[in-house]
Amino acid sequence: MASAGTEPTVMVVDDDVDLLDMISDTLSDEGYEVVRATNGKEALARLRHGPRPSVILLDLHMPVMNGREFREKQLRDPDLSRIPVLVITASARFDPDRDGLPGVPTLGKPFELADMLDRVRRYVMLGEQRLTTEHALQSRHR
């Protein structure tokens, strides 16, 4: 999550480099820091050694480690499990509950950039609210 005085960070994980560029450029133009990865294995490495994003935009069908495998490993890691994920997929048949990603919201490809930005903004706001609440609770228990 973004700390005071820094821009919120968004991770984008997709093996389609053109789409990765378009999403990254759009987010950067809106003031977000962007961390990019072209597969789940690369994304996990970047998460473990870099800034924590407010949200992860995750493609499902990628080489090396696909989106489902990434999500399974992310959820097993207590340091990463609370980072929300938004699946971006071209599969018209994708159903998060049926396909092993219960409760994970989706954004179907192709999508409107304005819709993506709206969803990212909501995750950033929710993350900031959660951090504020956690800090307030920690202060009470001191």
Protein backbone atom coordinates (compact mmCIF):
# COMPACT_ATOMS: atom_id res chain seq x y z
CA MET A 1 0.00 0.00 0.00
CA ALA A 2 1.12 3.54 -0.57
CA SER A 3 2.67 5.34 2.34
CA ALA A 4 2.15 9.02 3.09
CA GLY A 5 3.56 11.22 0.37
CA THR A 6 3.95 8.47 -2.21
CA GLU A 7 1.81 7.48 -5.15
CA PRO A 8 -0.26 4.30 -4.86
CA THR A 9 1.29 1.27 -6.54
CA VAL A 10 -0.52 -1.09 -8.91
CA MET A 11 0.93 -4.38 -10.13
CA VAL A 12 0.00 -5.51 -13.64
CA VAL A 13 0.67 -9.15 -14.56
CA ASP A 14 0.08 -10.09 -18.19
CA ASP A 15 2.13 -11.85 -20.86
CA ASP A 16 0.61 -9.73 -23.65
CA VAL A 17 3.27 -7.02 -23.79
CA ASP A 18 1.12 -4.65 -25.84
CA LEU A 19 -1.70 -4.84 -23.30
CA LEU A 20 0.81 -4.60 -20.45
CA ASP A 21 2.20 -1.41 -22.01
CA MET A 22 -1.26 0.09 -22.55
CA ILE A 23 -2.44 -0.62 -19.00
CA SER A 24 0.85 0.52 -17.47
CA ASP A 25 0.94 3.75 -19.48
CA THR A 26 -2.68 4.54 -18.58
CA LEU A 27 -2.07 3.94 -14.87
CA SER A 28 1.15 5.98 -14.94
CA ASP A 29 -0.66 8.84 -16.66
CA GLU A 30 -3.18 8.78 -13.79
CA GLY A 31 -0.39 9.11 -11.22
CA TYR A 32 0.04 5.49 -10.14
CA GLU A 33 3.37 3.76 -9.69
CA VAL A 34 3.27 0.59 -11.79
CA VAL A 35 5.06 -2.68 -11.19
CA ARG A 36 4.98 -4.98 -14.22
CA ALA A 37 5.40 -8.72 -14.61
CA THR A 38 4.85 -11.05 -17.55
CA ASN A 39 4.04 -14.18 -15.51
CA GLY A 40 3.10 -15.26 -12.01
CA LYS A 41 6.60 -16.34 -10.98
CA GLU A 42 8.04 -12.95 -11.89
CA ALA A 43 5.14 -11.24 -10.07
CA LEU A 44 5.79 -13.17 -6.85
CA ALA A 45 9.48 -12.27 -6.97
CA ARG A 46 8.67 -8.58 -7.47
CA LEU A 47 6.13 -8.65 -4.63
CA ARG A 48 8.61 -10.23 -2.24
CA HIS A 49 11.39 -7.76 -3.03
CA GLY A 50 9.59 -4.56 -4.00
CA PRO A 51 6.79 -2.21 -3.04
CA ARG A 52 3.45 -3.63 -1.96
CA PRO A 53 0.75 -2.66 -4.46
CA SER A 54 -2.74 -1.51 -3.57
CA VAL A 55 -4.13 -3.98 -6.11
CA ILE A 56 -2.89 -6.59 -8.58
CA LEU A 57 -4.36 -6.75 -12.09
CA LEU A 58 -3.85 -10.40 -13.03
CA ASP A 59 -4.18 -12.23 -16.34
CA LEU A 60 -5.01 -15.93 -16.04
CA HIS A 61 -3.39 -17.47 -19.10
CA MET A 62 0.38 -16.94 -18.96
CA PRO A 63 3.48 -19.08 -19.42
CA VAL A 64 5.80 -20.14 -16.58
CA MET A 65 3.17 -19.62 -13.85
CA ASN A 66 -0.45 -18.85 -14.72
CA GLY A 67 -2.82 -16.62 -12.78
CA ARG A 68 -4.45 -19.42 -10.79
CA GLU A 69 -1.08 -20.77 -9.64
CA PHE A 70 0.03 -17.24 -8.74
CA ARG A 71 -3.12 -16.66 -6.67
CA GLU A 72 -2.70 -19.97 -4.81
CA LYS A 73 0.88 -19.06 -3.85
CA GLN A 74 -0.08 -15.48 -3.00
CA LEU A 75 -2.79 -16.67 -0.61
CA ARG A 76 -0.35 -19.02 1.14
CA ASP A 77 2.05 -16.16 1.89
CA PRO A 78 0.83 -14.15 4.91
CA ASP A 79 2.78 -11.08 3.76
CA LEU A 80 1.04 -11.08 0.36
CA SER A 81 -2.35 -12.66 0.98
CA ARG A 82 -4.18 -9.41 1.82
CA ILE A 83 -3.32 -7.69 -1.47
CA PRO A 84 -6.52 -7.65 -3.54
CA VAL A 85 -6.56 -9.12 -7.03
CA LEU A 86 -8.64 -8.16 -10.05
CA VAL A 87 -8.55 -10.84 -12.75
CA ILE A 88 -8.38 -9.58 -16.33
CA THR A 89 -9.39 -12.29 -18.77
CA ALA A 90 -10.55 -12.79 -22.32
CA SER A 91 -12.36 -15.99 -21.39
CA ALA A 92 -16.10 -15.47 -21.69
CA ARG A 93 -16.63 -18.69 -19.74
CA PHE A 94 -14.54 -17.71 -16.72
CA ASP A 95 -16.44 -18.08 -13.46
CA PRO A 96 -14.33 -17.24 -10.38
CA ASP A 97 -16.20 -19.63 -8.09
CA ARG A 98 -16.24 -22.55 -10.52
CA ASP A 99 -12.68 -21.95 -11.73
CA GLY A 100 -11.00 -21.99 -8.33
CA LEU A 101 -10.80 -18.26 -7.61
CA PRO A 102 -13.81 -17.70 -5.36
CA GLY A 103 -14.67 -14.10 -4.64
CA VAL A 104 -12.11 -12.68 -7.06
CA PRO A 105 -13.63 -9.92 -9.22
CA THR A 106 -13.05 -9.96 -12.95
CA LEU A 107 -12.66 -7.50 -15.76
CA GLY A 108 -13.32 -9.03 -19.18
CA LYS A 109 -11.05 -8.31 -22.13
CA PRO A 110 -11.55 -6.17 -24.03
CA PHE A 111 -12.43 -3.62 -21.37
CA GLU A 112 -12.89 0.11 -21.19
CA LEU A 113 -9.90 1.88 -19.65
CA ALA A 114 -12.28 4.10 -17.67
CA ASP A 115 -13.82 0.99 -16.06
CA MET A 116 -10.38 -0.35 -15.15
CA LEU A 117 -9.36 2.99 -13.65
CA ASP A 118 -12.57 3.18 -11.65
CA ARG A 119 -11.94 -0.27 -10.17
CA VAL A 120 -8.31 0.56 -9.38
CA ARG A 121 -9.36 3.80 -7.64
CA ARG A 122 -11.84 1.87 -5.49
CA TYR A 123 -9.18 -0.64 -4.40
CA VAL A 124 -6.75 2.15 -3.56
CA MET A 125 -9.39 3.96 -1.49
CA LEU A 126 -10.37 0.76 0.34
CA GLY A 127 -6.73 -0.01 1.05
CA GLU A 128 -6.12 3.45 2.46
CA GLN A 129 -9.23 3.16 4.64
CA ARG A 130 -8.07 -0.24 5.92
CA LEU A 131 -4.62 1.13 6.79
CA THR A 132 -6.15 4.09 8.62
CA THR A 133 -8.38 1.73 10.62
CA GLU A 134 -5.48 -0.61 11.43
CA HIS A 135 -3.33 2.31 12.61
CA ALA A 136 -6.17 3.62 14.80
CA LEU A 137 -6.64 0.18 16.37
CA GLN A 138 -2.92 -0.19 17.00
CA SER A 139 -2.83 3.24 18.66
CA ARG A 140 -5.66 2.24 21.03
CA HIS A 141 -3.86 -0.91 22.15
CA ARG A 142 -0.61 0.85 23.08
